mmCIF file of all heavy atoms, coordinates in Angstrom:
data_MODEL
# 
_entry.id   MODEL 
# 
loop_
_atom_site.group_PDB 
_atom_site.id 
_atom_site.type_symbol 
_atom_site.label_atom_id 
_atom_site.label_alt_id 
_atom_site.label_comp_id 
_atom_site.label_asym_id 
_atom_site.label_entity_id 
_atom_site.label_seq_id 
_atom_site.pdbx_PDB_ins_code 
_atom_site.Cartn_x 
_atom_site.Cartn_y 
_atom_site.Cartn_z 
_atom_site.occupancy 
_atom_site.B_iso_or_equiv 
_atom_site.pdbx_formal_charge 
_atom_site.auth_seq_id 
_atom_site.auth_comp_id 
_atom_site.auth_asym_id 
_atom_site.auth_atom_id 
_atom_site.pdbx_PDB_model_num 
ATOM 1   N N   . ASN A 1 1  ? -19.117 18.355 -11.948 1.00 0.00 ? 1  ASN A N   1 
ATOM 2   C CA  . ASN A 1 1  ? -20.375 18.603 -11.263 1.00 0.00 ? 1  ASN A CA  1 
ATOM 3   C C   . ASN A 1 1  ? -21.296 17.438 -11.616 1.00 0.00 ? 1  ASN A C   1 
ATOM 4   O O   . ASN A 1 1  ? -21.902 17.412 -12.670 1.00 0.00 ? 1  ASN A O   1 
ATOM 5   C CB  . ASN A 1 1  ? -20.968 19.933 -11.713 1.00 0.00 ? 1  ASN A CB  1 
ATOM 6   C CG  . ASN A 1 1  ? -22.251 20.265 -10.993 1.00 0.00 ? 1  ASN A CG  1 
ATOM 7   O OD1 . ASN A 1 1  ? -22.700 19.540 -10.112 1.00 0.00 ? 1  ASN A OD1 1 
ATOM 8   N ND2 . ASN A 1 1  ? -22.855 21.368 -11.380 1.00 0.00 ? 1  ASN A ND2 1 
ATOM 9   N N   . MET A 1 2  ? -21.344 16.453 -10.734 1.00 0.00 ? 2  MET A N   1 
ATOM 10  C CA  . MET A 1 2  ? -22.092 15.221 -11.021 1.00 0.00 ? 2  MET A CA  1 
ATOM 11  C C   . MET A 1 2  ? -23.569 15.392 -10.714 1.00 0.00 ? 2  MET A C   1 
ATOM 12  O O   . MET A 1 2  ? -23.951 16.082 -9.781  1.00 0.00 ? 2  MET A O   1 
ATOM 13  C CB  . MET A 1 2  ? -21.537 14.065 -10.191 1.00 0.00 ? 2  MET A CB  1 
ATOM 14  C CG  . MET A 1 2  ? -20.122 13.719 -10.508 1.00 0.00 ? 2  MET A CG  1 
ATOM 15  S SD  . MET A 1 2  ? -19.539 12.195 -9.728  1.00 0.00 ? 2  MET A SD  1 
ATOM 16  C CE  . MET A 1 2  ? -20.128 12.297 -8.068  1.00 0.00 ? 2  MET A CE  1 
ATOM 17  N N   . GLU A 1 3  ? -24.375 14.724 -11.530 1.00 0.00 ? 3  GLU A N   1 
ATOM 18  C CA  . GLU A 1 3  ? -25.807 14.654 -11.266 1.00 0.00 ? 3  GLU A CA  1 
ATOM 19  C C   . GLU A 1 3  ? -26.274 13.242 -11.577 1.00 0.00 ? 3  GLU A C   1 
ATOM 20  O O   . GLU A 1 3  ? -25.583 12.488 -12.250 1.00 0.00 ? 3  GLU A O   1 
ATOM 21  C CB  . GLU A 1 3  ? -26.563 15.693 -12.094 1.00 0.00 ? 3  GLU A CB  1 
ATOM 22  C CG  . GLU A 1 3  ? -26.338 15.611 -13.585 1.00 0.00 ? 3  GLU A CG  1 
ATOM 23  C CD  . GLU A 1 3  ? -26.974 16.775 -14.335 1.00 0.00 ? 3  GLU A CD  1 
ATOM 24  O OE1 . GLU A 1 3  ? -27.717 17.556 -13.732 1.00 0.00 ? 3  GLU A OE1 1 
ATOM 25  O OE2 . GLU A 1 3  ? -26.736 16.879 -15.526 1.00 0.00 ? 3  GLU A OE2 1 
ATOM 26  N N   . GLY A 1 4  ? -27.403 12.867 -11.029 1.00 0.00 ? 4  GLY A N   1 
ATOM 27  C CA  . GLY A 1 4  ? -27.888 11.502 -11.227 1.00 0.00 ? 4  GLY A CA  1 
ATOM 28  C C   . GLY A 1 4  ? -27.813 10.739 -9.922  1.00 0.00 ? 4  GLY A C   1 
ATOM 29  O O   . GLY A 1 4  ? -28.084 11.280 -8.853  1.00 0.00 ? 4  GLY A O   1 
ATOM 30  N N   . GLY A 1 5  ? -27.419 9.460  -9.991  1.00 0.00 ? 5  GLY A N   1 
ATOM 31  C CA  . GLY A 1 5  ? -27.335 8.609  -8.804  1.00 0.00 ? 5  GLY A CA  1 
ATOM 32  C C   . GLY A 1 5  ? -26.387 9.149  -7.756  1.00 0.00 ? 5  GLY A C   1 
ATOM 33  O O   . GLY A 1 5  ? -26.637 9.065  -6.564  1.00 0.00 ? 5  GLY A O   1 
ATOM 34  N N   . PHE A 1 6  ? -25.286 9.696  -8.202  1.00 0.00 ? 6  PHE A N   1 
ATOM 35  C CA  . PHE A 1 6  ? -24.338 10.351 -7.304  1.00 0.00 ? 6  PHE A CA  1 
ATOM 36  C C   . PHE A 1 6  ? -24.283 11.811 -7.713  1.00 0.00 ? 6  PHE A C   1 
ATOM 37  O O   . PHE A 1 6  ? -24.059 12.128 -8.868  1.00 0.00 ? 6  PHE A O   1 
ATOM 38  C CB  . PHE A 1 6  ? -22.944 9.733  -7.432  1.00 0.00 ? 6  PHE A CB  1 
ATOM 39  C CG  . PHE A 1 6  ? -22.882 8.323  -6.939  1.00 0.00 ? 6  PHE A CG  1 
ATOM 40  C CD1 . PHE A 1 6  ? -22.964 7.265  -7.827  1.00 0.00 ? 6  PHE A CD1 1 
ATOM 41  C CD2 . PHE A 1 6  ? -22.765 8.053  -5.592  1.00 0.00 ? 6  PHE A CD2 1 
ATOM 42  C CE1 . PHE A 1 6  ? -22.908 5.960  -7.378  1.00 0.00 ? 6  PHE A CE1 1 
ATOM 43  C CE2 . PHE A 1 6  ? -22.716 6.752  -5.126  1.00 0.00 ? 6  PHE A CE2 1 
ATOM 44  C CZ  . PHE A 1 6  ? -22.790 5.696  -6.025  1.00 0.00 ? 6  PHE A CZ  1 
ATOM 45  N N   . MET A 1 7  ? -24.496 12.682 -6.741  1.00 0.00 ? 7  MET A N   1 
ATOM 46  C CA  . MET A 1 7  ? -24.501 14.114 -7.041  1.00 0.00 ? 7  MET A CA  1 
ATOM 47  C C   . MET A 1 7  ? -23.365 14.799 -6.307  1.00 0.00 ? 7  MET A C   1 
ATOM 48  O O   . MET A 1 7  ? -22.982 14.382 -5.222  1.00 0.00 ? 7  MET A O   1 
ATOM 49  C CB  . MET A 1 7  ? -25.819 14.745 -6.602  1.00 0.00 ? 7  MET A CB  1 
ATOM 50  C CG  . MET A 1 7  ? -27.015 14.296 -7.402  1.00 0.00 ? 7  MET A CG  1 
ATOM 51  S SD  . MET A 1 7  ? -28.517 15.157 -6.873  1.00 0.00 ? 7  MET A SD  1 
ATOM 52  C CE  . MET A 1 7  ? -28.096 16.860 -7.220  1.00 0.00 ? 7  MET A CE  1 
ATOM 53  N N   . THR A 1 8  ? -22.854 15.859 -6.921  1.00 0.00 ? 8  THR A N   1 
ATOM 54  C CA  . THR A 1 8  ? -21.909 16.719 -6.221  1.00 0.00 ? 8  THR A CA  1 
ATOM 55  C C   . THR A 1 8  ? -22.652 17.309 -5.034  1.00 0.00 ? 8  THR A C   1 
ATOM 56  O O   . THR A 1 8  ? -23.758 17.820 -5.175  1.00 0.00 ? 8  THR A O   1 
ATOM 57  C CB  . THR A 1 8  ? -21.397 17.824 -7.159  1.00 0.00 ? 8  THR A CB  1 
ATOM 58  O OG1 . THR A 1 8  ? -20.693 17.215 -8.238  1.00 0.00 ? 8  THR A OG1 1 
ATOM 59  C CG2 . THR A 1 8  ? -20.492 18.799 -6.430  1.00 0.00 ? 8  THR A CG2 1 
ATOM 60  N N   . THR A 1 9  ? -22.069 17.212 -3.856  1.00 0.00 ? 9  THR A N   1 
ATOM 61  C CA  . THR A 1 9  ? -22.769 17.660 -2.650  1.00 0.00 ? 9  THR A CA  1 
ATOM 62  C C   . THR A 1 9  ? -22.426 19.085 -2.249  1.00 0.00 ? 9  THR A C   1 
ATOM 63  O O   . THR A 1 9  ? -23.095 19.672 -1.416  1.00 0.00 ? 9  THR A O   1 
ATOM 64  C CB  . THR A 1 9  ? -22.460 16.734 -1.464  1.00 0.00 ? 9  THR A CB  1 
ATOM 65  O OG1 . THR A 1 9  ? -21.047 16.686 -1.283  1.00 0.00 ? 9  THR A OG1 1 
ATOM 66  C CG2 . THR A 1 9  ? -22.999 15.341 -1.712  1.00 0.00 ? 9  THR A CG2 1 
ATOM 67  N N   . GLY A 1 10 ? -21.394 19.641 -2.826  1.00 0.00 ? 10 GLY A N   1 
ATOM 68  C CA  . GLY A 1 10 ? -21.026 21.008 -2.504  1.00 0.00 ? 10 GLY A CA  1 
ATOM 69  C C   . GLY A 1 10 ? -19.656 21.326 -3.057  1.00 0.00 ? 10 GLY A C   1 
ATOM 70  O O   . GLY A 1 10 ? -18.896 20.436 -3.421  1.00 0.00 ? 10 GLY A O   1 
ATOM 71  N N   . SER A 1 11 ? -19.362 22.599 -3.167  1.00 0.00 ? 11 SER A N   1 
ATOM 72  C CA  . SER A 1 11 ? -18.062 23.036 -3.658  1.00 0.00 ? 11 SER A CA  1 
ATOM 73  C C   . SER A 1 11 ? -17.594 24.236 -2.849  1.00 0.00 ? 11 SER A C   1 
ATOM 74  O O   . SER A 1 11 ? -18.396 24.957 -2.261  1.00 0.00 ? 11 SER A O   1 
ATOM 75  C CB  . SER A 1 11 ? -18.137 23.427 -5.139  1.00 0.00 ? 11 SER A CB  1 
ATOM 76  O OG  . SER A 1 11 ? -18.423 22.307 -5.928  1.00 0.00 ? 11 SER A OG  1 
ATOM 77  N N   . MET A 1 12 ? -16.278 24.425 -2.862  1.00 0.00 ? 12 MET A N   1 
ATOM 78  C CA  . MET A 1 12 ? -15.665 25.527 -2.127  1.00 0.00 ? 12 MET A CA  1 
ATOM 79  C C   . MET A 1 12 ? -14.540 26.098 -2.977  1.00 0.00 ? 12 MET A C   1 
ATOM 80  O O   . MET A 1 12 ? -13.773 25.357 -3.577  1.00 0.00 ? 12 MET A O   1 
ATOM 81  C CB  . MET A 1 12 ? -15.093 25.010 -0.815  1.00 0.00 ? 12 MET A CB  1 
ATOM 82  C CG  . MET A 1 12 ? -14.306 26.013 -0.031  1.00 0.00 ? 12 MET A CG  1 
ATOM 83  S SD  . MET A 1 12 ? -13.655 25.204 1.464   1.00 0.00 ? 12 MET A SD  1 
ATOM 84  C CE  . MET A 1 12 ? -12.544 26.444 2.036   1.00 0.00 ? 12 MET A CE  1 
ATOM 85  N N   . VAL A 1 13 ? -14.475 27.405 -3.043  1.00 0.00 ? 13 VAL A N   1 
ATOM 86  C CA  . VAL A 1 13 ? -13.384 28.102 -3.719  1.00 0.00 ? 13 VAL A CA  1 
ATOM 87  C C   . VAL A 1 13 ? -12.795 29.065 -2.696  1.00 0.00 ? 13 VAL A C   1 
ATOM 88  O O   . VAL A 1 13 ? -13.526 29.814 -2.046  1.00 0.00 ? 13 VAL A O   1 
ATOM 89  C CB  . VAL A 1 13 ? -13.887 28.878 -4.960  1.00 0.00 ? 13 VAL A CB  1 
ATOM 90  C CG1 . VAL A 1 13 ? -12.781 29.739 -5.553  1.00 0.00 ? 13 VAL A CG1 1 
ATOM 91  C CG2 . VAL A 1 13 ? -14.454 27.918 -6.001  1.00 0.00 ? 13 VAL A CG2 1 
ATOM 92  N N   . SER A 1 14 ? -11.476 29.031 -2.544  1.00 0.00 ? 14 SER A N   1 
ATOM 93  C CA  . SER A 1 14 ? -10.810 29.918 -1.588  1.00 0.00 ? 14 SER A CA  1 
ATOM 94  C C   . SER A 1 14 ? -9.769  30.772 -2.285  1.00 0.00 ? 14 SER A C   1 
ATOM 95  O O   . SER A 1 14 ? -9.072  30.296 -3.178  1.00 0.00 ? 14 SER A O   1 
ATOM 96  C CB  . SER A 1 14 ? -10.117 29.103 -0.488  1.00 0.00 ? 14 SER A CB  1 
ATOM 97  O OG  . SER A 1 14 ? -11.068 28.450 0.306   1.00 0.00 ? 14 SER A OG  1 
ATOM 98  N N   . VAL A 1 15 ? -9.689  32.006 -1.877  1.00 0.00 ? 15 VAL A N   1 
ATOM 99  C CA  . VAL A 1 15 ? -8.651  32.925 -2.330  1.00 0.00 ? 15 VAL A CA  1 
ATOM 100 C C   . VAL A 1 15 ? -7.746  33.149 -1.125  1.00 0.00 ? 15 VAL A C   1 
ATOM 101 O O   . VAL A 1 15 ? -8.192  33.646 -0.089  1.00 0.00 ? 15 VAL A O   1 
ATOM 102 C CB  . VAL A 1 15 ? -9.254  34.265 -2.811  1.00 0.00 ? 15 VAL A CB  1 
ATOM 103 C CG1 . VAL A 1 15 ? -8.161  35.220 -3.258  1.00 0.00 ? 15 VAL A CG1 1 
ATOM 104 C CG2 . VAL A 1 15 ? -10.271 34.033 -3.918  1.00 0.00 ? 15 VAL A CG2 1 
ATOM 105 N N   . LEU A 1 16 ? -6.476  32.732 -1.263  1.00 0.00 ? 16 LEU A N   1 
ATOM 106 C CA  . LEU A 1 16 ? -5.529  32.800 -0.151  1.00 0.00 ? 16 LEU A CA  1 
ATOM 107 C C   . LEU A 1 16 ? -4.339  33.680 -0.540  1.00 0.00 ? 16 LEU A C   1 
ATOM 108 O O   . LEU A 1 16 ? -3.311  33.174 -0.982  1.00 0.00 ? 16 LEU A O   1 
ATOM 109 C CB  . LEU A 1 16 ? -5.042  31.393 0.206   1.00 0.00 ? 16 LEU A CB  1 
ATOM 110 C CG  . LEU A 1 16 ? -6.113  30.342 0.487   1.00 0.00 ? 16 LEU A CG  1 
ATOM 111 C CD1 . LEU A 1 16 ? -5.488  28.971 0.647   1.00 0.00 ? 16 LEU A CD1 1 
ATOM 112 C CD2 . LEU A 1 16 ? -6.919  30.717 1.708   1.00 0.00 ? 16 LEU A CD2 1 
ATOM 113 N N   . PRO A 1 17 ? -4.460  34.994 -0.386  1.00 0.00 ? 17 PRO A N   1 
ATOM 114 C CA  . PRO A 1 17 ? -3.345  35.873 -0.751  1.00 0.00 ? 17 PRO A CA  1 
ATOM 115 C C   . PRO A 1 17 ? -2.107  35.574 0.091   1.00 0.00 ? 17 PRO A C   1 
ATOM 116 O O   . PRO A 1 17 ? -2.224  35.268 1.277   1.00 0.00 ? 17 PRO A O   1 
ATOM 117 C CB  . PRO A 1 17 ? -3.865  37.276 -0.441  1.00 0.00 ? 17 PRO A CB  1 
ATOM 118 C CG  . PRO A 1 17 ? -5.331  37.141 -0.255  1.00 0.00 ? 17 PRO A CG  1 
ATOM 119 C CD  . PRO A 1 17 ? -5.585  35.738 0.161   1.00 0.00 ? 17 PRO A CD  1 
ATOM 120 N N   . GLN A 1 18 ? -0.934  35.670 -0.522  1.00 0.00 ? 18 GLN A N   1 
ATOM 121 C CA  . GLN A 1 18 ? 0.300   35.428 0.218   1.00 0.00 ? 18 GLN A CA  1 
ATOM 122 C C   . GLN A 1 18 ? 0.609   36.566 1.188   1.00 0.00 ? 18 GLN A C   1 
ATOM 123 O O   . GLN A 1 18 ? 1.282   36.356 2.185   1.00 0.00 ? 18 GLN A O   1 
ATOM 124 C CB  . GLN A 1 18 ? 1.459   35.201 -0.751  1.00 0.00 ? 18 GLN A CB  1 
ATOM 125 C CG  . GLN A 1 18 ? 1.333   33.887 -1.483  1.00 0.00 ? 18 GLN A CG  1 
ATOM 126 C CD  . GLN A 1 18 ? 2.515   33.622 -2.390  1.00 0.00 ? 18 GLN A CD  1 
ATOM 127 O OE1 . GLN A 1 18 ? 3.160   34.537 -2.874  1.00 0.00 ? 18 GLN A OE1 1 
ATOM 128 N NE2 . GLN A 1 18 ? 2.800   32.352 -2.614  1.00 0.00 ? 18 GLN A NE2 1 
ATOM 129 N N   . GLN A 1 19 ? 0.099   37.755 0.900   1.00 0.00 ? 19 GLN A N   1 
ATOM 130 C CA  . GLN A 1 19 ? 0.325   38.890 1.789   1.00 0.00 ? 19 GLN A CA  1 
ATOM 131 C C   . GLN A 1 19 ? -0.574  38.758 3.021   1.00 0.00 ? 19 GLN A C   1 
ATOM 132 O O   . GLN A 1 19 ? -1.792  38.748 2.910   1.00 0.00 ? 19 GLN A O   1 
ATOM 133 C CB  . GLN A 1 19 ? 0.000   40.220 1.087   1.00 0.00 ? 19 GLN A CB  1 
ATOM 134 C CG  . GLN A 1 19 ? 0.782   40.446 -0.191  1.00 0.00 ? 19 GLN A CG  1 
ATOM 135 C CD  . GLN A 1 19 ? 0.086   39.834 -1.420  1.00 0.00 ? 19 GLN A CD  1 
ATOM 136 O OE1 . GLN A 1 19 ? -0.746  38.947 -1.314  1.00 0.00 ? 19 GLN A OE1 1 
ATOM 137 N NE2 . GLN A 1 19 ? 0.471   40.301 -2.591  1.00 0.00 ? 19 GLN A NE2 1 
ATOM 138 N N   . PRO A 1 20 ? 0.022   38.695 4.220   1.00 0.00 ? 20 PRO A N   1 
ATOM 139 C CA  . PRO A 1 20 ? -0.771  38.472 5.435   1.00 0.00 ? 20 PRO A CA  1 
ATOM 140 C C   . PRO A 1 20 ? -1.737  39.603 5.774   1.00 0.00 ? 20 PRO A C   1 
ATOM 141 O O   . PRO A 1 20 ? -2.672  39.396 6.539   1.00 0.00 ? 20 PRO A O   1 
ATOM 142 C CB  . PRO A 1 20 ? 0.286   38.292 6.528   1.00 0.00 ? 20 PRO A CB  1 
ATOM 143 C CG  . PRO A 1 20 ? 1.534   38.845 5.983   1.00 0.00 ? 20 PRO A CG  1 
ATOM 144 C CD  . PRO A 1 20 ? 1.446   38.788 4.484   1.00 0.00 ? 20 PRO A CD  1 
ATOM 145 N N   . ASN A 1 21 ? -1.551  40.798 5.200   1.00 0.00 ? 21 ASN A N   1 
ATOM 146 C CA  . ASN A 1 21 ? -2.456  41.908 5.506   1.00 0.00 ? 21 ASN A CA  1 
ATOM 147 C C   . ASN A 1 21 ? -3.736  41.844 4.675   1.00 0.00 ? 21 ASN A C   1 
ATOM 148 O O   . ASN A 1 21 ? -4.685  42.566 4.949   1.00 0.00 ? 21 ASN A O   1 
ATOM 149 C CB  . ASN A 1 21 ? -1.751  43.251 5.290   1.00 0.00 ? 21 ASN A CB  1 
ATOM 150 C CG  . ASN A 1 21 ? -1.301  43.443 3.855   1.00 0.00 ? 21 ASN A CG  1 
ATOM 151 O OD1 . ASN A 1 21 ? -0.800  42.507 3.219   1.00 0.00 ? 21 ASN A OD1 1 
ATOM 152 N ND2 . ASN A 1 21 ? -1.460  44.647 3.341   1.00 0.00 ? 21 ASN A ND2 1 
ATOM 153 N N   . LEU A 1 22 ? -3.786  40.972 3.673   1.00 0.00 ? 22 LEU A N   1 
ATOM 154 C CA  . LEU A 1 22 ? -4.997  40.817 2.870   1.00 0.00 ? 22 LEU A CA  1 
ATOM 155 C C   . LEU A 1 22 ? -5.830  39.663 3.419   1.00 0.00 ? 22 LEU A C   1 
ATOM 156 O O   . LEU A 1 22 ? -5.284  38.636 3.822   1.00 0.00 ? 22 LEU A O   1 
ATOM 157 C CB  . LEU A 1 22 ? -4.641  40.552 1.402   1.00 0.00 ? 22 LEU A CB  1 
ATOM 158 C CG  . LEU A 1 22 ? -3.912  41.679 0.675   1.00 0.00 ? 22 LEU A CG  1 
ATOM 159 C CD1 . LEU A 1 22 ? -3.525  41.246 -0.735  1.00 0.00 ? 22 LEU A CD1 1 
ATOM 160 C CD2 . LEU A 1 22 ? -4.788  42.928 0.623   1.00 0.00 ? 22 LEU A CD2 1 
ATOM 161 N N   . PRO A 1 23 ? -7.160  39.828 3.426   1.00 0.00 ? 23 PRO A N   1 
ATOM 162 C CA  . PRO A 1 23 ? -8.000  38.764 3.981   1.00 0.00 ? 23 PRO A CA  1 
ATOM 163 C C   . PRO A 1 23 ? -8.124  37.569 3.035   1.00 0.00 ? 23 PRO A C   1 
ATOM 164 O O   . PRO A 1 23 ? -8.054  37.716 1.815   1.00 0.00 ? 23 PRO A O   1 
ATOM 165 C CB  . PRO A 1 23 ? -9.360  39.451 4.150   1.00 0.00 ? 23 PRO A CB  1 
ATOM 166 C CG  . PRO A 1 23 ? -9.376  40.490 3.084   1.00 0.00 ? 23 PRO A CG  1 
ATOM 167 C CD  . PRO A 1 23 ? -7.942  40.981 2.974   1.00 0.00 ? 23 PRO A CD  1 
ATOM 168 N N   . CYS A 1 24 ? -8.311  36.391 3.609   1.00 0.00 ? 24 CYS A N   1 
ATOM 169 C CA  . CYS A 1 24 ? -8.655  35.211 2.822   1.00 0.00 ? 24 CYS A CA  1 
ATOM 170 C C   . CYS A 1 24 ? -10.158 35.263 2.575   1.00 0.00 ? 24 CYS A C   1 
ATOM 171 O O   . CYS A 1 24 ? -10.918 35.740 3.419   1.00 0.00 ? 24 CYS A O   1 
ATOM 172 C CB  . CYS A 1 24 ? -8.302  33.931 3.575   1.00 0.00 ? 24 CYS A CB  1 
ATOM 173 S SG  . CYS A 1 24 ? -6.529  33.732 3.840   1.00 0.00 ? 24 CYS A SG  1 
ATOM 174 N N   . ILE A 1 25 ? -10.569 34.804 1.413   1.00 0.00 ? 25 ILE A N   1 
ATOM 175 C CA  . ILE A 1 25 ? -11.991 34.814 1.052   1.00 0.00 ? 25 ILE A CA  1 
ATOM 176 C C   . ILE A 1 25 ? -12.385 33.392 0.680   1.00 0.00 ? 25 ILE A C   1 
ATOM 177 O O   . ILE A 1 25 ? -11.677 32.722 -0.079  1.00 0.00 ? 25 ILE A O   1 
ATOM 178 C CB  . ILE A 1 25 ? -12.247 35.771 -0.131  1.00 0.00 ? 25 ILE A CB  1 
ATOM 179 C CG1 . ILE A 1 25 ? -11.775 37.184 0.219   1.00 0.00 ? 25 ILE A CG1 1 
ATOM 180 C CG2 . ILE A 1 25 ? -13.730 35.764 -0.513  1.00 0.00 ? 25 ILE A CG2 1 
ATOM 181 C CD1 . ILE A 1 25 ? -11.723 38.128 -0.959  1.00 0.00 ? 25 ILE A CD1 1 
ATOM 182 N N   . HIS A 1 26 ? -13.520 32.942 1.189   1.00 0.00 ? 26 HIS A N   1 
ATOM 183 C CA  . HIS A 1 26 ? -13.982 31.582 0.943   1.00 0.00 ? 26 HIS A CA  1 
ATOM 184 C C   . HIS A 1 26 ? -15.410 31.624 0.412   1.00 0.00 ? 26 HIS A C   1 
ATOM 185 O O   . HIS A 1 26 ? -16.275 32.273 1.006   1.00 0.00 ? 26 HIS A O   1 
ATOM 186 C CB  . HIS A 1 26 ? -13.925 30.748 2.224   1.00 0.00 ? 26 HIS A CB  1 
ATOM 187 C CG  . HIS A 1 26 ? -12.586 30.787 2.872   1.00 0.00 ? 26 HIS A CG  1 
ATOM 188 N ND1 . HIS A 1 26 ? -11.522 30.034 2.429   1.00 0.00 ? 26 HIS A ND1 1 
ATOM 189 C CD2 . HIS A 1 26 ? -12.124 31.509 3.925   1.00 0.00 ? 26 HIS A CD2 1 
ATOM 190 C CE1 . HIS A 1 26 ? -10.467 30.276 3.189   1.00 0.00 ? 26 HIS A CE1 1 
ATOM 191 N NE2 . HIS A 1 26 ? -10.800 31.172 4.102   1.00 0.00 ? 26 HIS A NE2 1 
ATOM 192 N N   . PHE A 1 27 ? -15.640 30.957 -0.693  1.00 0.00 ? 27 PHE A N   1 
ATOM 193 C CA  . PHE A 1 27 ? -16.961 30.842 -1.293  1.00 0.00 ? 27 PHE A CA  1 
ATOM 194 C C   . PHE A 1 27 ? -17.438 29.410 -1.150  1.00 0.00 ? 27 PHE A C   1 
ATOM 195 O O   . PHE A 1 27 ? -16.699 28.480 -1.477  1.00 0.00 ? 27 PHE A O   1 
ATOM 196 C CB  . PHE A 1 27 ? -16.903 31.204 -2.790  1.00 0.00 ? 27 PHE A CB  1 
ATOM 197 C CG  . PHE A 1 27 ? -16.428 32.592 -3.075  1.00 0.00 ? 27 PHE A CG  1 
ATOM 198 C CD1 . PHE A 1 27 ? -15.079 32.828 -3.329  1.00 0.00 ? 27 PHE A CD1 1 
ATOM 199 C CD2 . PHE A 1 27 ? -17.322 33.660 -3.123  1.00 0.00 ? 27 PHE A CD2 1 
ATOM 200 C CE1 . PHE A 1 27 ? -14.632 34.112 -3.626  1.00 0.00 ? 27 PHE A CE1 1 
ATOM 201 C CE2 . PHE A 1 27 ? -16.872 34.939 -3.405  1.00 0.00 ? 27 PHE A CE2 1 
ATOM 202 C CZ  . PHE A 1 27 ? -15.529 35.172 -3.654  1.00 0.00 ? 27 PHE A CZ  1 
# 
């Protein structure tokens, strides 16, 4: 997580269950 002259511009975390009946969740 950079700060200063160059900053982290965003992050994403995804939960991708292998079972197709479960939903994927994205943060």
